[in-house]
N, C-alpha and C. Protein backbone atom coordinates (compact mmCIF):
# COMPACT_ATOMS: atom_id res chain seq x y z
N MET A 1 -7.66 34.14 285.40
CA MET A 1 -8.22 35.41 284.98
C MET A 1 -9.39 35.76 285.89
N PHE A 2 -9.42 36.95 286.41
CA PHE A 2 -10.46 37.41 287.31
C PHE A 2 -11.39 38.39 286.60
N VAL A 3 -12.66 38.37 287.00
CA VAL A 3 -13.69 39.20 286.40
C VAL A 3 -14.40 39.96 287.50
N GLU A 4 -14.55 41.28 287.33
CA GLU A 4 -15.20 42.10 288.34
C GLU A 4 -16.70 41.84 288.38
N TYR A 5 -17.24 41.72 289.60
CA TYR A 5 -18.67 41.53 289.79
C TYR A 5 -19.38 42.88 289.84
N VAL A 6 -20.64 42.87 289.46
CA VAL A 6 -21.50 44.02 289.67
C VAL A 6 -21.62 44.21 291.19
N PRO A 7 -21.44 45.44 291.69
CA PRO A 7 -21.49 45.65 293.14
C PRO A 7 -22.77 45.09 293.77
N GLY A 8 -22.60 44.33 294.86
CA GLY A 8 -23.72 43.77 295.60
C GLY A 8 -24.33 42.52 294.99
N THR A 9 -23.68 41.95 293.96
CA THR A 9 -24.21 40.74 293.31
C THR A 9 -23.15 39.66 293.28
N LYS A 10 -23.53 38.50 292.74
CA LYS A 10 -22.59 37.40 292.55
C LYS A 10 -22.42 37.10 291.07
N HIS A 11 -22.45 38.14 290.22
CA HIS A 11 -22.25 37.93 288.79
C HIS A 11 -21.58 39.15 288.16
N ALA A 12 -20.98 38.91 287.02
CA ALA A 12 -20.30 39.96 286.27
C ALA A 12 -21.29 40.64 285.33
N GLY A 13 -21.03 41.89 285.03
CA GLY A 13 -21.83 42.60 284.04
C GLY A 13 -21.44 42.20 282.64
N THR A 14 -22.16 42.68 281.64
CA THR A 14 -21.89 42.28 280.25
C THR A 14 -20.53 42.74 279.75
N LYS A 15 -20.02 43.85 280.25
CA LYS A 15 -18.70 44.34 279.84
C LYS A 15 -17.79 44.48 281.05
N ALA A 16 -17.78 43.47 281.89
CA ALA A 16 -17.01 43.51 283.13
C ALA A 16 -15.52 43.57 282.85
N ASP A 17 -14.82 44.31 283.71
CA ASP A 17 -13.36 44.38 283.61
C ASP A 17 -12.77 43.04 283.99
N ARG A 18 -11.63 42.72 283.36
CA ARG A 18 -10.89 41.48 283.63
C ARG A 18 -9.47 41.82 284.00
N SER A 19 -8.85 40.95 284.80
CA SER A 19 -7.48 41.18 285.22
C SER A 19 -6.83 39.84 285.56
N GLU A 20 -5.51 39.80 285.47
CA GLU A 20 -4.76 38.60 285.85
C GLU A 20 -4.69 38.43 287.37
N THR A 21 -4.94 39.51 288.12
CA THR A 21 -4.97 39.44 289.58
C THR A 21 -6.28 40.03 290.08
N MET A 22 -6.66 39.72 291.32
CA MET A 22 -7.90 40.26 291.87
C MET A 22 -7.67 41.51 292.70
N ASP A 23 -6.43 41.99 292.72
CA ASP A 23 -6.08 43.15 293.53
C ASP A 23 -6.86 44.41 293.18
N ALA A 24 -7.24 44.58 291.93
CA ALA A 24 -7.91 45.80 291.48
C ALA A 24 -9.41 45.81 291.78
N PHE A 25 -9.96 44.68 292.23
CA PHE A 25 -11.40 44.55 292.39
C PHE A 25 -11.80 44.47 293.86
N THR A 26 -12.95 45.05 294.18
CA THR A 26 -13.53 44.89 295.51
C THR A 26 -14.18 43.53 295.64
N ASP A 27 -14.85 43.10 294.57
CA ASP A 27 -15.53 41.80 294.55
C ASP A 27 -15.40 41.25 293.14
N CYS A 28 -15.05 39.98 293.03
CA CYS A 28 -14.79 39.44 291.70
C CYS A 28 -15.01 37.93 291.67
N GLY A 29 -14.97 37.39 290.48
CA GLY A 29 -15.03 35.96 290.26
C GLY A 29 -13.82 35.53 289.45
N MET A 30 -13.56 34.26 289.43
CA MET A 30 -12.44 33.71 288.66
C MET A 30 -13.00 32.87 287.54
N LEU A 31 -12.47 33.07 286.33
CA LEU A 31 -12.94 32.28 285.20
C LEU A 31 -12.57 30.82 285.41
N LEU A 32 -13.53 29.98 285.24
CA LEU A 32 -13.36 28.54 285.39
C LEU A 32 -13.22 27.97 283.98
N THR A 33 -12.09 27.36 283.67
CA THR A 33 -11.85 26.85 282.32
C THR A 33 -12.25 25.38 282.23
N ASN A 34 -12.14 24.83 281.04
CA ASN A 34 -12.47 23.42 280.80
C ASN A 34 -11.50 22.48 281.52
N GLU A 35 -10.39 23.00 282.00
CA GLU A 35 -9.40 22.16 282.69
C GLU A 35 -9.59 22.17 284.21
N ASP A 36 -10.58 22.92 284.70
CA ASP A 36 -10.80 23.07 286.13
C ASP A 36 -12.03 22.32 286.59
N VAL A 37 -12.00 21.90 287.84
CA VAL A 37 -13.20 21.44 288.54
C VAL A 37 -13.12 22.04 289.95
N VAL A 38 -14.23 22.60 290.38
CA VAL A 38 -14.31 23.20 291.71
C VAL A 38 -15.33 22.42 292.51
N ILE A 39 -14.91 21.99 293.69
CA ILE A 39 -15.81 21.32 294.62
C ILE A 39 -16.22 22.36 295.66
N ASP A 40 -17.51 22.60 295.74
CA ASP A 40 -18.09 23.61 296.62
C ASP A 40 -18.71 22.89 297.82
N ILE A 41 -18.15 23.14 299.01
CA ILE A 41 -18.65 22.52 300.24
C ILE A 41 -19.27 23.60 301.10
N ASP A 42 -20.58 23.55 301.25
CA ASP A 42 -21.31 24.55 302.04
C ASP A 42 -22.06 23.97 303.22
N HIS A 43 -22.08 22.64 303.37
CA HIS A 43 -22.96 22.02 304.35
C HIS A 43 -22.21 21.31 305.48
N LEU A 44 -20.99 21.78 305.76
CA LEU A 44 -20.21 21.27 306.90
C LEU A 44 -19.70 22.47 307.69
N PRO A 45 -19.49 22.31 308.97
CA PRO A 45 -18.85 23.39 309.74
C PRO A 45 -17.43 23.64 309.20
N LYS A 46 -17.01 24.90 309.22
CA LYS A 46 -15.68 25.24 308.68
C LYS A 46 -14.57 24.49 309.40
N ASP A 47 -14.71 24.25 310.70
CA ASP A 47 -13.69 23.50 311.42
C ASP A 47 -13.58 22.07 310.88
N SER A 48 -14.71 21.47 310.50
CA SER A 48 -14.69 20.12 309.92
C SER A 48 -14.01 20.13 308.56
N ILE A 49 -14.28 21.17 307.77
CA ILE A 49 -13.65 21.29 306.45
C ILE A 49 -12.14 21.44 306.60
N LYS A 50 -11.72 22.30 307.53
CA LYS A 50 -10.28 22.49 307.78
C LYS A 50 -9.62 21.18 308.20
N ALA A 51 -10.29 20.42 309.07
CA ALA A 51 -9.75 19.14 309.52
C ALA A 51 -9.63 18.16 308.36
N MET A 52 -10.62 18.14 307.47
CA MET A 52 -10.58 17.25 306.30
C MET A 52 -9.41 17.64 305.37
N ILE A 53 -9.25 18.93 305.13
CA ILE A 53 -8.15 19.40 304.28
C ILE A 53 -6.82 18.97 304.86
N SER A 54 -6.67 19.11 306.17
CA SER A 54 -5.44 18.72 306.85
C SER A 54 -5.24 17.20 306.82
N GLU A 55 -6.28 16.45 307.15
CA GLU A 55 -6.18 14.99 307.21
C GLU A 55 -5.79 14.39 305.87
N PHE A 56 -6.37 14.91 304.78
CA PHE A 56 -6.08 14.37 303.44
C PHE A 56 -4.88 15.05 302.79
N GLY A 57 -4.30 16.04 303.46
CA GLY A 57 -3.13 16.72 302.91
C GLY A 57 -3.42 17.43 301.59
N LEU A 58 -4.59 18.02 301.48
CA LEU A 58 -4.97 18.67 300.22
C LEU A 58 -4.13 19.93 300.01
N LYS A 59 -3.48 19.99 298.87
CA LYS A 59 -2.68 21.14 298.48
C LYS A 59 -3.28 21.67 297.18
N THR A 60 -4.24 22.57 297.32
CA THR A 60 -4.96 23.08 296.17
C THR A 60 -5.42 24.50 296.47
N ARG A 61 -5.84 25.22 295.45
CA ARG A 61 -6.40 26.55 295.67
C ARG A 61 -7.65 26.39 296.54
N THR A 62 -7.69 27.15 297.62
CA THR A 62 -8.79 27.07 298.58
C THR A 62 -9.35 28.47 298.76
N ILE A 63 -10.61 28.67 298.37
CA ILE A 63 -11.27 29.96 298.51
C ILE A 63 -12.39 29.81 299.53
N TRP A 64 -12.25 30.47 300.66
CA TRP A 64 -13.27 30.42 301.71
C TRP A 64 -14.37 31.41 301.38
N THR A 65 -15.60 31.00 301.54
CA THR A 65 -16.76 31.85 301.31
C THR A 65 -17.50 32.03 302.63
N ASP A 66 -18.58 32.81 302.61
CA ASP A 66 -19.32 33.00 303.85
C ASP A 66 -20.03 31.72 304.29
N ARG A 67 -20.25 30.76 303.37
CA ARG A 67 -20.95 29.51 303.72
C ARG A 67 -20.04 28.29 303.78
N GLY A 68 -18.83 28.36 303.26
CA GLY A 68 -17.98 27.17 303.23
C GLY A 68 -16.69 27.42 302.47
N VAL A 69 -16.41 26.54 301.50
CA VAL A 69 -15.14 26.62 300.79
C VAL A 69 -15.31 26.14 299.35
N HIS A 70 -14.48 26.70 298.46
CA HIS A 70 -14.35 26.20 297.09
C HIS A 70 -12.95 25.60 296.99
N LEU A 71 -12.88 24.33 296.61
CA LEU A 71 -11.60 23.64 296.42
C LEU A 71 -11.38 23.48 294.92
N TRP A 72 -10.30 24.05 294.40
CA TRP A 72 -10.01 24.03 292.96
C TRP A 72 -9.04 22.89 292.64
N PHE A 73 -9.36 22.12 291.61
CA PHE A 73 -8.51 21.03 291.16
C PHE A 73 -8.37 21.06 289.65
N LYS A 74 -7.29 20.48 289.15
CA LYS A 74 -7.17 20.23 287.71
C LYS A 74 -8.07 19.04 287.40
N LYS A 75 -8.93 19.21 286.41
CA LYS A 75 -9.91 18.17 286.09
C LYS A 75 -9.20 16.97 285.46
N PRO A 76 -9.34 15.78 286.04
CA PRO A 76 -8.72 14.59 285.44
C PRO A 76 -9.42 14.21 284.13
N ALA A 77 -8.71 13.53 283.25
CA ALA A 77 -9.25 13.15 281.94
C ALA A 77 -10.50 12.28 282.08
N TRP A 78 -10.60 11.49 283.13
CA TRP A 78 -11.73 10.58 283.31
C TRP A 78 -12.94 11.24 283.96
N PHE A 79 -12.82 12.52 284.33
CA PHE A 79 -13.88 13.19 285.09
C PHE A 79 -15.19 13.26 284.30
N VAL A 80 -16.27 12.90 284.96
CA VAL A 80 -17.62 13.04 284.41
C VAL A 80 -18.43 13.81 285.45
N ARG A 81 -18.98 14.95 285.03
CA ARG A 81 -19.76 15.74 285.99
C ARG A 81 -21.05 15.00 286.32
N ARG A 82 -21.26 14.80 287.59
CA ARG A 82 -22.48 14.15 288.06
C ARG A 82 -23.38 15.21 288.68
N LYS A 83 -24.59 14.81 288.95
CA LYS A 83 -25.49 15.73 289.64
C LYS A 83 -24.90 16.05 291.01
N ASP A 84 -25.13 17.29 291.43
CA ASP A 84 -24.71 17.67 292.77
C ASP A 84 -25.47 16.82 293.78
N GLY A 85 -24.85 16.60 294.90
CA GLY A 85 -25.52 15.79 295.92
C GLY A 85 -24.52 15.30 296.94
N ILE A 86 -24.77 14.13 297.48
CA ILE A 86 -23.94 13.55 298.52
C ILE A 86 -22.70 12.90 297.89
N CYS A 87 -21.53 13.31 298.36
CA CYS A 87 -20.29 12.71 297.84
C CYS A 87 -20.01 11.40 298.58
N ARG A 88 -18.97 10.71 298.18
CA ARG A 88 -18.64 9.41 298.77
C ARG A 88 -18.18 9.50 300.22
N LEU A 89 -17.86 10.72 300.66
CA LEU A 89 -17.48 10.90 302.06
C LEU A 89 -18.70 11.18 302.94
N GLY A 90 -19.89 11.26 302.31
CA GLY A 90 -21.12 11.35 303.08
C GLY A 90 -21.67 12.74 303.33
N PHE A 91 -21.19 13.77 302.62
CA PHE A 91 -21.74 15.11 302.79
C PHE A 91 -22.04 15.71 301.42
N GLU A 92 -22.89 16.74 301.45
CA GLU A 92 -23.36 17.36 300.21
C GLU A 92 -22.30 18.29 299.61
N ILE A 93 -22.16 18.20 298.27
CA ILE A 93 -21.24 19.08 297.53
C ILE A 93 -21.93 19.56 296.25
N ASP A 94 -21.37 20.63 295.68
CA ASP A 94 -21.69 21.06 294.32
C ASP A 94 -20.40 20.92 293.54
N GLN A 95 -20.51 20.50 292.28
CA GLN A 95 -19.36 20.42 291.39
C GLN A 95 -19.55 21.48 290.31
N GLN A 96 -18.49 22.23 290.03
CA GLN A 96 -18.57 23.24 288.99
C GLN A 96 -17.39 23.06 288.06
N THR A 97 -17.68 23.10 286.76
CA THR A 97 -16.64 22.96 285.75
C THR A 97 -16.84 24.01 284.68
N GLY A 98 -15.85 24.17 283.84
CA GLY A 98 -15.94 25.11 282.73
C GLY A 98 -16.33 24.42 281.44
N ILE A 99 -17.04 23.29 281.53
CA ILE A 99 -17.45 22.57 280.32
C ILE A 99 -18.31 23.49 279.48
N GLY A 100 -18.03 23.55 278.19
CA GLY A 100 -18.75 24.48 277.31
C GLY A 100 -18.17 25.86 277.49
N ASP A 101 -19.02 26.85 277.65
CA ASP A 101 -18.55 28.22 277.88
C ASP A 101 -17.89 28.31 279.24
N ASP A 102 -16.91 29.20 279.34
CA ASP A 102 -16.28 29.44 280.64
C ASP A 102 -17.34 29.90 281.63
N GLU A 103 -17.18 29.47 282.86
CA GLU A 103 -18.06 29.91 283.93
C GLU A 103 -17.24 30.75 284.89
N ILE A 104 -17.93 31.54 285.68
CA ILE A 104 -17.26 32.39 286.66
C ILE A 104 -17.64 31.93 288.06
N ILE A 105 -16.63 31.82 288.91
CA ILE A 105 -16.84 31.36 290.28
C ILE A 105 -16.34 32.42 291.25
N LYS A 106 -17.02 32.58 292.35
CA LYS A 106 -16.62 33.58 293.35
C LYS A 106 -15.17 33.37 293.74
N ALA A 107 -14.39 34.45 293.70
CA ALA A 107 -12.96 34.33 293.98
C ALA A 107 -12.50 35.16 295.15
N GLN A 108 -13.27 36.11 295.59
CA GLN A 108 -12.84 36.97 296.67
C GLN A 108 -12.81 36.16 297.96
N ALA A 109 -11.63 35.94 298.47
CA ALA A 109 -11.47 35.08 299.64
C ALA A 109 -11.96 35.77 300.91
N LEU A 110 -12.59 35.00 301.77
CA LEU A 110 -12.98 35.44 303.10
C LEU A 110 -12.17 34.67 304.11
N GLN A 111 -12.04 35.21 305.30
CA GLN A 111 -11.32 34.49 306.34
C GLN A 111 -12.12 33.27 306.78
N PRO A 112 -11.47 32.10 306.94
CA PRO A 112 -12.20 30.91 307.40
C PRO A 112 -12.66 31.04 308.84
């Protein structure tokens, strides 16, 4: 489910339009449910991120942003959200989940 952003911002308004596709919106976010986890990588060059995705054979929703990439995964049952920071591969990440209320994550794809 996609939610329209307030023009020029990274958030939805209180009565934002929603749609099953992002085609109707200029800028939007995607509702993040309790079954999702998004890994946000902003601190590596895009070429390095592309190489990592290729090397590990990652087949997942990939949303490129102006600073990096959002990798969407189905949250495993054992998942525990940790503080954002350095992952086991040695670079900084943010983790976003829909624990509690649904959260909205930037969905408008940019070219890598």
